[in-house]
Amino acid sequence: MKPIAPSDDATLPAIAGLLLAAGGGRRLGGRPKALLEYAGRPLVEHAVRGLREAGCGPVHVVLGAAAAEVRERADLADCVLADNPDWADGMGSSLRAGLRSLAGTGVQGVVVALVDQPGIGAAAIARVISAYRSPSSLAAASYGGRRGHPVLFGAERWAGIADGASGDQGARDYLKLHREALTLVECGDVADPADIDTPDDLHLLKPAGTSAAPRATKR
């Protein structure tokens, strides 16, 4: 597992975007993360925009908590929406649902992003996409050398990743098992991987350029 410099390969095949947006925000008092407000709109719209601006297509969004409300309030036109009735079981179930929704699309790879990381935008996603080499590609953004999101899975990897996805682990165990095949793409200069888990993290919803209180230290 070693970092690479991003490339400018203009011959990349279609790479899908997969946004996991099913979480119920249990530690946020039951506020579904997809519906948190960012720049006056649901956070899920901001995350979808990042995938689209990076060149992903199609874009699939996995919904779970308050799915009907998300469909009503958020503008997700041209997205493929996949419902995950088992969203409360953790991110693994959403990853499986999302990968299932991509079956038959013909895309050769997918970039997976999380709805609760507003500091990760098109620049980081595009860098990770540039690491695609073949349907067996496996890549992830890194921040100071530490693996994070988004991650890229070549289509040949989807079945193995889905088989191992459980609880809140997502693809973590798969990535550890295949660490020698994993390409890291440094994104720390263009993105902030901080996620929104508790009320102390809500300052992350302030778009860049607006004032925000210092982040409280998590214990």
Protein backbone atom coordinates (compact mmCIF):
# COMPACT_ATOMS: atom_id res chain seq x y z
CA MET A 1 0.00 0.00 0.00
CA LYS A 2 1.74 3.12 -1.18
CA PRO A 3 0.69 6.66 -2.12
CA ILE A 4 0.64 7.76 -5.73
CA ALA A 5 0.46 11.09 -7.46
CA PRO A 6 -2.88 11.62 -9.24
CA SER A 7 -2.86 11.28 -13.02
CA ASP A 8 -4.61 13.19 -15.77
CA ASP A 9 -5.77 10.10 -17.70
CA ALA A 10 -8.50 11.26 -20.05
CA THR A 11 -9.36 7.70 -21.12
CA LEU A 12 -11.03 6.61 -17.90
CA PRO A 13 -14.26 4.62 -18.32
CA ALA A 14 -17.49 5.66 -16.66
CA ILE A 15 -17.05 5.64 -12.89
CA ALA A 16 -20.21 5.65 -10.80
CA GLY A 17 -20.66 7.64 -7.63
CA LEU A 18 -22.19 5.90 -4.63
CA LEU A 19 -23.30 8.07 -1.73
CA LEU A 20 -24.14 6.37 1.56
CA ALA A 21 -26.81 8.62 3.10
CA ALA A 22 -28.95 6.27 5.15
CA GLY A 23 -27.78 7.09 8.68
CA GLY A 24 -30.28 8.11 11.33
CA GLY A 25 -27.94 10.36 13.32
CA ARG A 26 -28.43 8.50 16.59
CA ARG A 27 -25.72 10.53 18.34
CA LEU A 28 -27.26 13.69 16.91
CA GLY A 29 -30.52 13.05 18.69
CA GLY A 30 -32.08 11.15 15.80
CA ARG A 31 -31.53 13.81 13.11
CA PRO A 32 -31.00 11.99 9.80
CA LYS A 33 -27.67 13.15 8.40
CA ALA A 34 -28.95 13.48 4.85
CA LEU A 35 -31.33 16.23 6.01
CA LEU A 36 -28.86 18.33 7.98
CA GLU A 37 -28.79 21.83 6.54
CA TYR A 38 -25.79 22.94 4.48
CA ALA A 39 -25.92 26.35 2.77
CA GLY A 40 -29.68 26.36 3.17
CA ARG A 41 -30.25 22.96 1.56
CA PRO A 42 -30.15 19.32 2.72
CA LEU A 43 -26.61 18.05 3.16
CA VAL A 44 -27.25 15.16 0.76
CA GLU A 45 -27.48 17.65 -2.13
CA HIS A 46 -24.01 19.01 -1.33
CA ALA A 47 -22.55 15.49 -1.34
CA VAL A 48 -24.22 14.58 -4.63
CA ARG A 49 -22.93 17.79 -6.21
CA GLY A 50 -19.36 16.85 -5.28
CA LEU A 51 -19.69 13.47 -6.99
CA ARG A 52 -21.19 14.99 -10.11
CA GLU A 53 -18.62 17.79 -10.37
CA ALA A 54 -15.85 15.20 -10.06
CA GLY A 55 -17.21 13.43 -13.14
CA CYS A 56 -19.07 10.50 -11.60
CA GLY A 57 -21.92 9.04 -13.55
CA PRO A 58 -24.32 7.56 -12.78
CA VAL A 59 -24.75 8.69 -9.17
CA HIS A 60 -26.54 6.29 -6.81
CA VAL A 61 -27.71 7.38 -3.35
CA VAL A 62 -28.58 4.94 -0.59
CA LEU A 63 -31.38 6.18 1.66
CA GLY A 64 -32.62 4.75 4.93
CA ALA A 65 -33.65 6.89 7.89
CA ALA A 66 -36.48 9.26 6.92
CA ALA A 67 -36.16 8.11 3.31
CA ALA A 68 -39.57 9.47 2.32
CA GLU A 69 -38.74 12.88 3.77
CA VAL A 70 -35.37 12.96 2.03
CA ARG A 71 -37.06 12.19 -1.28
CA GLU A 72 -39.54 15.00 -0.67
CA ARG A 73 -37.17 17.70 0.54
CA ALA A 74 -33.94 17.07 -1.37
CA ASP A 75 -33.39 17.68 -5.06
CA LEU A 76 -31.93 14.38 -6.18
CA ALA A 77 -32.98 14.59 -9.80
CA ASP A 78 -31.07 12.24 -12.10
CA CYS A 79 -29.80 10.20 -9.13
CA VAL A 80 -30.67 6.54 -8.73
CA LEU A 81 -32.16 6.17 -5.24
CA ALA A 82 -31.71 2.86 -3.46
CA ASP A 83 -33.64 2.22 -0.26
CA ASN A 84 -31.97 0.29 2.55
CA PRO A 85 -34.61 -1.00 4.95
CA ASP A 86 -31.82 -2.40 7.13
CA TRP A 87 -30.03 0.94 7.56
CA ALA A 88 -30.10 0.65 11.36
CA ASP A 89 -27.76 -2.37 11.10
CA GLY A 90 -24.91 -0.06 10.11
CA MET A 91 -22.97 1.19 7.12
CA GLY A 92 -22.24 -2.32 5.88
CA SER A 93 -25.86 -2.87 4.93
CA SER A 94 -25.94 0.42 3.02
CA LEU A 95 -22.77 -0.48 1.13
CA ARG A 96 -24.29 -3.80 0.14
CA ALA A 97 -27.51 -2.10 -0.98
CA GLY A 98 -25.57 0.43 -3.01
CA LEU A 99 -23.43 -2.15 -4.75
CA ARG A 100 -26.53 -4.22 -5.56
CA SER A 101 -28.10 -1.16 -7.16
CA LEU A 102 -25.12 -0.88 -9.53
CA ALA A 103 -25.55 -4.40 -10.92
CA GLY A 104 -26.16 -4.32 -14.64
CA THR A 105 -25.16 -0.68 -15.12
CA GLY A 106 -22.01 -1.56 -17.03
CA VAL A 107 -19.79 0.81 -15.07
CA GLN A 108 -16.27 -0.45 -14.39
CA GLY A 109 -15.74 1.22 -11.04
CA VAL A 110 -17.43 3.16 -8.27
CA VAL A 111 -16.36 5.89 -5.90
CA VAL A 112 -18.01 5.56 -2.48
CA ALA A 113 -18.56 8.71 -0.40
CA LEU A 114 -20.26 9.38 2.93
CA VAL A 115 -22.94 12.03 3.37
CA ASP A 116 -21.57 13.24 6.72
CA GLN A 117 -18.21 14.55 5.45
CA PRO A 118 -19.02 17.99 4.00
CA GLY A 119 -15.34 18.92 3.77
CA ILE A 120 -14.76 16.32 1.05
CA GLY A 121 -15.68 17.70 -2.35
CA ALA A 122 -15.07 17.30 -6.05
CA ALA A 123 -11.31 17.90 -5.91
CA ALA A 124 -10.64 14.92 -3.64
CA ILE A 125 -13.14 12.70 -5.45
CA ALA A 126 -11.54 13.48 -8.82
CA ARG A 127 -8.10 12.58 -7.47
CA VAL A 128 -9.35 9.21 -6.28
CA ILE A 129 -11.04 8.56 -9.62
CA SER A 130 -7.70 9.22 -11.32
CA ALA A 131 -6.28 6.17 -9.54
CA TYR A 132 -8.51 3.85 -11.58
CA ARG A 133 -6.51 1.50 -13.79
CA SER A 134 -8.72 -1.56 -14.35
CA PRO A 135 -11.84 -3.33 -13.00
CA SER A 136 -9.61 -4.73 -10.25
CA SER A 137 -8.55 -1.28 -9.02
CA LEU A 138 -8.70 -0.51 -5.32
CA ALA A 139 -7.93 3.02 -4.12
CA ALA A 140 -8.67 5.41 -1.29
CA ALA A 141 -8.08 8.99 -0.35
CA SER A 142 -5.47 9.52 2.33
CA TYR A 143 -4.94 12.40 4.72
CA GLY A 144 -1.40 12.73 5.95
CA GLY A 145 -0.89 9.11 4.94
CA ARG A 146 -3.95 7.86 6.80
CA ARG A 147 -6.59 6.07 4.74
CA GLY A 148 -10.03 7.67 4.54
CA HIS A 149 -12.89 8.41 2.16
CA PRO A 150 -13.77 8.48 -0.65
CA VAL A 151 -12.77 5.02 -1.78
CA LEU A 152 -12.75 3.51 -5.26
CA PHE A 153 -13.67 -0.08 -6.05
CA GLY A 154 -13.18 -1.64 -9.48
CA ALA A 155 -16.18 -3.72 -10.53
CA GLU A 156 -14.33 -7.02 -10.08
CA ARG A 157 -14.06 -6.25 -6.36
CA TRP A 158 -17.73 -5.56 -5.65
CA ALA A 159 -18.82 -9.11 -4.83
CA GLY A 160 -16.00 -9.65 -2.34
CA ILE A 161 -16.60 -6.28 -0.71
CA ALA A 162 -20.34 -6.92 -0.37
CA ASP A 163 -19.72 -10.35 1.15
CA GLY A 164 -17.55 -8.85 3.87
CA ALA A 165 -19.57 -5.72 4.62
CA SER A 166 -21.29 -5.91 7.99
CA GLY A 167 -22.19 -3.66 10.88
CA ASP A 168 -20.43 -0.30 10.77
CA GLN A 169 -17.30 -1.79 9.21
CA GLY A 170 -18.26 -1.23 5.60
CA ALA A 171 -15.28 -2.28 3.48
CA ARG A 172 -12.73 -1.85 6.28
CA ASP A 173 -11.90 -5.54 6.68
CA TYR A 174 -11.69 -6.03 2.92
CA LEU A 175 -9.28 -3.12 2.57
CA LYS A 176 -7.09 -4.47 5.35
CA LEU A 177 -7.04 -7.92 3.75
CA HIS A 178 -6.08 -6.45 0.38
CA ARG A 179 -3.83 -3.66 1.60
CA GLU A 180 -1.03 -4.61 -0.84
CA ALA A 181 -3.38 -3.89 -3.76
CA LEU A 182 -4.64 -0.62 -2.29
CA THR A 183 -3.51 2.66 -3.85
CA LEU A 184 -3.51 5.70 -1.58
CA VAL A 185 -4.14 9.13 -3.09
CA GLU A 186 -3.14 12.02 -0.85
CA CYS A 187 -5.99 14.53 -0.53
CA GLY A 188 -5.12 16.38 2.66
CA ASP A 189 -4.35 19.56 0.74
CA VAL A 190 -7.79 19.75 -0.90
CA ALA A 191 -10.22 18.18 1.60
CA ASP A 192 -11.10 17.81 5.27
CA PRO A 193 -12.18 14.27 6.24
CA ALA A 194 -13.86 15.28 9.52
CA ASP A 195 -17.29 13.73 9.89
CA ILE A 196 -20.45 14.76 11.69
CA ASP A 197 -21.25 12.36 14.52
CA THR A 198 -22.25 14.49 17.52
CA PRO A 199 -23.66 17.99 18.15
CA ASP A 200 -20.07 19.20 18.69
CA ASP A 201 -19.44 18.49 15.00
CA LEU A 202 -22.28 20.58 13.61
CA HIS A 203 -19.95 23.52 12.96
CA LEU A 204 -18.72 21.50 9.97
CA LEU A 205 -21.97 22.40 8.24
CA LYS A 206 -20.74 25.97 7.76
CA PRO A 207 -19.52 26.28 4.16
CA ALA A 208 -15.93 27.35 3.59
CA GLY A 209 -15.47 31.08 4.05
CA THR A 210 -17.99 31.48 6.87
CA SER A 211 -17.01 31.93 10.47
CA ALA A 212 -17.25 28.98 12.82
CA ALA A 213 -16.54 28.32 16.46
CA PRO A 214 -13.49 26.18 17.22
CA ARG A 215 -14.20 22.46 17.16
CA ALA A 216 -14.66 20.89 20.56
CA THR A 217 -12.27 18.05 21.35
CA LYS A 218 -13.97 14.64 21.34
CA ARG A 219 -13.46 12.46 24.37
